[in-house]
Amino acid sequence: MPGWDLPSLIDHTVLKPDATRGDVLQLCQDAIQHGFTVIFVPPCYVDEAVVAVAGSVIRVGIPIGFPLGGHTTKTKVAESVEAVARGAQVLDMVINVSRLKSGDHDLVRQDIAEVVRATPSVEHKVILETCCLTQQEKLTACRLVVEAGADYVKTSTGFNAAGATADDVRLMKAAVAGRAKVKASGGIRDWKTALAMLEAGADRIGTSASLKILGEWTASEGGR
């Protein structure tokens, strides 16, 4: 088993609709304590999160067009520009699933590219919502993300019918062929599942169960 530096591979996340300011501040403290280098918080808490992790290596991430992806491009760009102006350094935007499934590939590519161009100083991940897509649509989405200049393809929001699968991670890894990285997210709640995603080729794991996964990893043979 590879010697994973697991905390550095996890995007430590709290995006549930009933998350409170206290939950967000606790997430920040967890990241500082356990070595998570990226956190994701609701956009309304970006200011508090940036202040809470100031002076550390932790980057604050914000979801864009979340969770459905059907926002107009202008709205996604505005969300992105505001988040970056407030200190966000990572943006995870939801692809326009409806346009993708309608075959409007140029519009999907443009939607992503305009966010990337408007916020060139930060990292961009694009959520495909794989449970809604056919195999061919997943491959097409990966191509469009790469062509639009984003840094990652990401499996899922965690707010739909299903989340990440190892098969999807392998498919996406092959499709981007080194031109982008892969983030597995959605339904990853234990070390066994996280390990399956990493072994399938995921470069990052997005999860709200980070502390549980970290505890199981530490207790395992590979985490010692």
Protein backbone atom coordinates (compact mmCIF):
# COMPACT_ATOMS: atom_id res chain seq x y z
CA MET A 1 0.00 0.00 0.00
CA PRO A 2 1.38 3.45 -0.89
CA GLY A 3 2.32 5.72 1.98
CA TRP A 4 -0.60 8.12 1.59
CA ASP A 5 -0.33 11.51 3.26
CA LEU A 6 -4.07 11.39 3.69
CA PRO A 7 -4.85 14.77 5.32
CA SER A 8 -3.18 16.62 2.44
CA LEU A 9 -5.40 14.75 -0.05
CA ILE A 10 -8.74 15.59 1.56
CA ASP A 11 -10.97 18.58 0.86
CA HIS A 12 -12.56 18.88 4.33
CA THR A 13 -16.13 19.96 3.71
CA VAL A 14 -19.28 21.27 5.36
CA LEU A 15 -21.94 22.16 2.79
CA LYS A 16 -25.16 20.77 4.28
CA PRO A 17 -27.98 23.31 4.17
CA ASP A 18 -28.38 23.42 7.95
CA ALA A 19 -24.69 23.98 8.68
CA THR A 20 -24.23 26.79 11.18
CA ARG A 21 -21.50 29.36 11.66
CA GLY A 22 -20.29 27.22 14.54
CA ASP A 23 -20.02 24.20 12.25
CA VAL A 24 -17.92 26.22 9.82
CA LEU A 25 -15.58 27.50 12.52
CA GLN A 26 -15.21 23.97 13.89
CA LEU A 27 -14.32 22.78 10.38
CA CYS A 28 -11.59 25.41 10.25
CA GLN A 29 -10.18 24.30 13.59
CA ASP A 30 -10.30 20.65 12.50
CA ALA A 31 -8.29 21.53 9.40
CA ILE A 32 -5.66 23.37 11.44
CA GLN A 33 -5.42 20.56 13.97
CA HIS A 34 -5.34 17.60 11.56
CA GLY A 35 -3.48 19.02 8.55
CA PHE A 36 -6.25 19.28 5.96
CA THR A 37 -5.00 21.81 3.43
CA VAL A 38 -8.31 22.63 1.70
CA ILE A 39 -11.69 23.33 3.27
CA PHE A 40 -15.05 23.90 1.61
CA VAL A 41 -17.69 26.11 3.18
CA PRO A 42 -20.95 27.70 2.02
CA PRO A 43 -20.35 30.98 0.18
CA CYS A 44 -22.01 33.01 2.93
CA TYR A 45 -19.24 31.95 5.35
CA VAL A 46 -16.22 32.69 3.17
CA ASP A 47 -15.24 35.74 5.26
CA GLU A 48 -15.30 33.86 8.56
CA ALA A 49 -13.41 30.90 7.11
CA VAL A 50 -10.67 33.06 5.60
CA VAL A 51 -10.14 34.81 8.93
CA ALA A 52 -10.22 31.53 10.88
CA VAL A 53 -7.42 29.92 8.83
CA ALA A 54 -5.33 33.05 8.30
CA GLY A 55 -1.63 32.41 8.78
CA SER A 56 -1.93 28.73 7.85
CA VAL A 57 -1.43 26.90 4.56
CA ILE A 58 -5.13 26.06 4.40
CA ARG A 59 -6.96 27.22 1.29
CA VAL A 60 -10.65 28.10 1.48
CA GLY A 61 -12.88 26.61 -1.20
CA ILE A 62 -16.34 27.70 -2.31
CA PRO A 63 -18.91 25.83 -4.44
CA ILE A 64 -20.16 27.60 -7.56
CA GLY A 65 -23.51 26.96 -9.26
CA PHE A 66 -24.21 24.54 -6.45
CA PRO A 67 -25.78 22.01 -6.31
CA LEU A 68 -27.65 21.81 -9.63
CA GLY A 69 -25.41 23.61 -12.11
CA GLY A 70 -28.22 25.26 -14.01
CA HIS A 71 -27.30 28.84 -13.09
CA THR A 72 -26.56 31.20 -15.96
CA THR A 73 -22.92 31.68 -16.82
CA LYS A 74 -23.14 35.32 -15.73
CA THR A 75 -24.34 34.20 -12.30
CA LYS A 76 -21.56 31.61 -11.97
CA VAL A 77 -18.96 34.19 -12.94
CA ALA A 78 -20.36 36.68 -10.43
CA GLU A 79 -20.31 34.04 -7.68
CA SER A 80 -16.73 33.17 -8.55
CA VAL A 81 -15.43 36.72 -8.72
CA GLU A 82 -17.02 37.61 -5.38
CA ALA A 83 -15.67 34.48 -3.69
CA VAL A 84 -12.12 35.15 -4.89
CA ALA A 85 -12.35 38.81 -3.90
CA ARG A 86 -13.24 37.66 -0.40
CA GLY A 87 -10.29 35.29 -0.19
CA ALA A 88 -11.37 31.96 -1.69
CA GLN A 89 -8.55 30.11 -3.45
CA VAL A 90 -10.40 27.04 -4.76
CA LEU A 91 -13.67 26.95 -6.73
CA ASP A 92 -15.71 23.79 -7.36
CA MET A 93 -18.32 24.62 -10.00
CA VAL A 94 -21.14 22.36 -11.08
CA ILE A 95 -21.23 21.68 -14.80
CA ASN A 96 -24.44 22.63 -16.60
CA VAL A 97 -25.85 19.09 -16.55
CA SER A 98 -28.98 20.06 -18.47
CA ARG A 99 -27.04 21.70 -21.30
CA LEU A 100 -24.65 18.76 -21.42
CA LYS A 101 -27.48 16.27 -21.74
CA SER A 102 -29.11 18.49 -24.36
CA GLY A 103 -25.97 18.24 -26.50
CA ASP A 104 -25.11 21.92 -26.14
CA HIS A 105 -21.40 21.24 -25.82
CA ASP A 106 -20.14 24.65 -26.90
CA LEU A 107 -22.29 26.31 -24.23
CA VAL A 108 -21.04 23.89 -21.57
CA ARG A 109 -17.42 24.58 -22.51
CA GLN A 110 -18.02 28.32 -22.56
CA ASP A 111 -19.75 28.20 -19.16
CA ILE A 112 -16.65 26.67 -17.59
CA ALA A 113 -14.14 28.73 -19.56
CA GLU A 114 -15.70 32.05 -18.55
CA VAL A 115 -15.38 31.18 -14.85
CA VAL A 116 -11.77 30.11 -15.39
CA ARG A 117 -10.94 33.30 -17.29
CA ALA A 118 -12.64 35.52 -14.72
CA THR A 119 -10.69 34.01 -11.80
CA PRO A 120 -7.27 33.02 -13.18
CA SER A 121 -5.46 33.09 -9.84
CA VAL A 122 -7.33 30.17 -8.25
CA GLU A 123 -7.83 26.44 -8.72
CA HIS A 124 -10.93 25.24 -10.58
CA LYS A 125 -12.68 21.89 -10.22
CA VAL A 126 -15.73 21.00 -12.29
CA ILE A 127 -18.37 18.70 -10.83
CA LEU A 128 -19.85 16.37 -13.45
CA GLU A 129 -22.61 14.83 -11.30
CA THR A 130 -21.79 11.43 -12.76
CA CYS A 131 -24.95 9.71 -11.50
CA CYS A 132 -26.93 11.81 -14.01
CA LEU A 133 -24.73 11.01 -17.01
CA THR A 134 -24.25 8.18 -19.48
CA GLN A 135 -20.76 6.80 -20.03
CA GLN A 136 -20.43 8.82 -23.23
CA GLU A 137 -21.62 11.98 -21.48
CA LYS A 138 -18.99 11.48 -18.79
CA LEU A 139 -16.30 11.21 -21.45
CA THR A 140 -17.62 14.27 -23.25
CA ALA A 141 -17.77 16.24 -20.02
CA CYS A 142 -14.15 15.41 -19.23
CA ARG A 143 -13.11 16.61 -22.69
CA LEU A 144 -15.01 19.87 -22.29
CA VAL A 145 -13.53 20.53 -18.86
CA VAL A 146 -10.01 20.06 -20.21
CA GLU A 147 -10.72 22.25 -23.24
CA ALA A 148 -12.11 24.97 -20.96
CA GLY A 149 -8.88 25.05 -18.94
CA ALA A 150 -10.08 23.82 -15.54
CA ASP A 151 -7.72 21.95 -13.23
CA TYR A 152 -9.88 19.03 -12.09
CA VAL A 153 -12.85 16.92 -13.00
CA LYS A 154 -14.92 15.95 -9.97
CA THR A 155 -17.45 13.16 -9.66
CA SER A 156 -20.37 14.46 -7.64
CA THR A 157 -21.98 17.09 -5.44
CA GLY A 158 -23.13 14.56 -2.85
CA PHE A 159 -26.63 16.02 -3.15
CA ASN A 160 -28.01 13.77 -5.89
CA ALA A 161 -29.04 10.14 -6.28
CA ALA A 162 -25.53 8.72 -5.91
CA GLY A 163 -21.95 9.79 -5.38
CA ALA A 164 -18.49 8.70 -6.41
CA THR A 165 -17.65 5.23 -7.66
CA ALA A 166 -14.25 3.73 -8.33
CA ASP A 167 -15.36 2.88 -11.87
CA ASP A 168 -16.18 6.52 -12.58
CA VAL A 169 -12.86 7.65 -11.15
CA ARG A 170 -11.01 5.22 -13.44
CA LEU A 171 -13.06 6.36 -16.43
CA MET A 172 -12.43 10.05 -15.70
CA LYS A 173 -8.73 9.47 -15.03
CA ALA A 174 -8.34 7.80 -18.41
CA ALA A 175 -10.43 10.45 -20.16
CA VAL A 176 -8.41 13.43 -18.95
CA ALA A 177 -5.16 11.57 -19.65
CA GLY A 178 -3.01 13.74 -17.41
CA ARG A 179 -4.44 17.02 -18.71
CA ALA A 180 -6.44 17.50 -15.51
CA LYS A 181 -6.68 15.86 -12.11
CA VAL A 182 -9.57 13.90 -10.61
CA LYS A 183 -11.48 14.57 -7.39
CA ALA A 184 -13.75 11.90 -5.96
CA SER A 185 -16.62 13.22 -3.86
CA GLY A 186 -20.05 12.11 -2.74
CA GLY A 187 -20.77 9.25 -0.36
CA ILE A 188 -17.15 8.80 0.79
CA ARG A 189 -17.64 8.19 4.50
CA ASP A 190 -14.98 5.65 5.51
CA TRP A 191 -11.32 4.86 4.85
CA LYS A 192 -12.14 1.73 2.84
CA THR A 193 -14.13 3.78 0.34
CA ALA A 194 -11.59 6.59 0.28
CA LEU A 195 -8.80 4.08 -0.36
CA ALA A 196 -10.75 2.55 -3.25
CA MET A 197 -11.01 6.00 -4.84
CA LEU A 198 -7.30 6.72 -4.39
CA GLU A 199 -6.35 3.35 -5.82
CA ALA A 200 -8.64 4.02 -8.79
CA GLY A 201 -6.66 7.17 -9.52
CA ALA A 202 -8.30 9.99 -7.56
CA ASP A 203 -5.94 12.86 -6.80
CA ARG A 204 -8.21 14.32 -4.12
CA ILE A 205 -11.06 13.22 -1.89
CA GLY A 206 -13.95 15.50 -0.98
CA THR A 207 -15.84 14.53 2.16
CA SER A 208 -17.61 15.75 5.25
CA ALA A 209 -16.56 12.55 7.07
CA SER A 210 -12.90 13.56 7.13
CA LEU A 211 -12.31 12.99 10.85
CA LYS A 212 -13.85 9.50 10.77
CA ILE A 213 -11.81 8.57 7.70
CA LEU A 214 -8.64 9.97 9.21
CA GLY A 215 -9.19 7.99 12.41
CA GLU A 216 -9.69 4.76 10.48
CA TRP A 217 -6.64 5.46 8.34
CA THR A 218 -4.48 6.15 11.39
CA ALA A 219 -5.65 2.90 12.98
CA SER A 220 -4.98 0.89 9.84
CA GLU A 221 -1.68 -0.72 8.97
CA GLY A 222 -1.09 1.86 6.21
CA GLY A 223 -1.78 4.85 8.45
CA ARG A 224 0.81 4.10 11.10
